[in-house]
Amino acid sequence: MENQYCKVGSVTSILAENQAITLLEYQYQCFMERAANIKYGNTRLREFFESKAEKTKKKLDELS
């Protein structure tokens, strides 16, 4: 029997800049929505989503 290798966790790069911008905009909106939905309970989780949104926004600004 031959060894088989799978690419668990492999990342496919986005070649088209337009696709990258669309994906980053979607991720930014999702992170902001998740942060907004956490109102009372876990403030650290909200801060995590806000920081992810901020990093995504910086990447968007660099591409634009």
Protein backbone atom coordinates (compact mmCIF):
# COMPACT_ATOMS: atom_id res chain seq x y z
CA MET A 1 0.00 0.00 0.00
CA GLU A 2 1.36 3.42 -0.93
CA ASN A 3 1.57 6.37 1.40
CA GLN A 4 -0.98 9.08 0.80
CA TYR A 5 -0.52 12.64 1.93
CA CYS A 6 -3.30 15.12 2.41
CA LYS A 7 -2.95 18.87 2.66
CA VAL A 8 -4.78 19.53 5.89
CA GLY A 9 -4.78 23.23 6.60
CA SER A 10 -3.25 24.13 3.28
CA VAL A 11 -4.00 27.61 2.05
CA THR A 12 -4.96 28.49 -1.50
CA SER A 13 -3.77 31.93 -2.46
CA ILE A 14 -6.12 34.40 -4.08
CA LEU A 15 -4.56 35.52 -7.31
CA ALA A 16 -7.03 38.16 -8.40
CA GLU A 17 -6.93 41.40 -6.41
CA ASN A 18 -10.67 41.86 -6.92
CA GLN A 19 -11.35 38.51 -5.23
CA ALA A 20 -9.10 39.44 -2.32
CA ILE A 21 -10.88 42.74 -1.76
CA THR A 22 -14.30 41.08 -1.88
CA LEU A 23 -13.20 38.40 0.59
CA LEU A 24 -11.64 40.92 2.98
CA GLU A 25 -14.77 43.10 2.88
CA TYR A 26 -16.88 40.07 3.75
CA GLN A 27 -14.56 39.07 6.60
CA TYR A 28 -14.55 42.63 7.94
CA GLN A 29 -18.35 42.73 8.00
CA CYS A 30 -18.54 39.33 9.70
CA PHE A 31 -16.07 40.31 12.42
CA MET A 32 -17.89 43.59 13.07
CA GLU A 33 -21.26 41.81 13.27
CA ARG A 34 -19.89 39.22 15.68
CA ALA A 35 -18.40 41.94 17.87
CA ALA A 36 -21.69 43.86 17.84
CA ASN A 37 -23.70 40.77 18.78
CA ILE A 38 -21.66 40.28 21.96
CA LYS A 39 -23.17 42.95 24.17
CA TYR A 40 -22.84 41.91 27.78
CA GLY A 41 -21.10 38.64 28.43
CA ASN A 42 -17.65 38.05 27.09
CA THR A 43 -15.84 41.34 26.51
CA ARG A 44 -12.56 39.60 25.65
CA LEU A 45 -14.27 37.79 22.80
CA ARG A 46 -15.73 41.07 21.56
CA GLU A 47 -12.28 42.68 21.72
CA PHE A 48 -10.87 39.74 19.77
CA PHE A 49 -13.40 40.21 16.95
CA GLU A 50 -12.81 43.96 16.96
CA SER A 51 -9.05 43.46 16.65
CA LYS A 52 -9.55 40.97 13.80
CA ALA A 53 -11.80 43.51 12.08
CA GLU A 54 -9.19 46.22 12.54
CA LYS A 55 -6.43 44.06 11.04
CA THR A 56 -8.70 43.14 8.13
CA LYS A 57 -9.50 46.82 7.57
CA LYS A 58 -5.78 47.64 7.41
CA LYS A 59 -5.27 44.96 4.76
CA LEU A 60 -8.22 46.35 2.81
CA ASP A 61 -6.77 49.85 2.95
CA GLU A 62 -3.43 48.56 1.66
CA LEU A 63 -5.10 46.89 -1.33
CA SER A 64 -7.31 49.84 -2.18
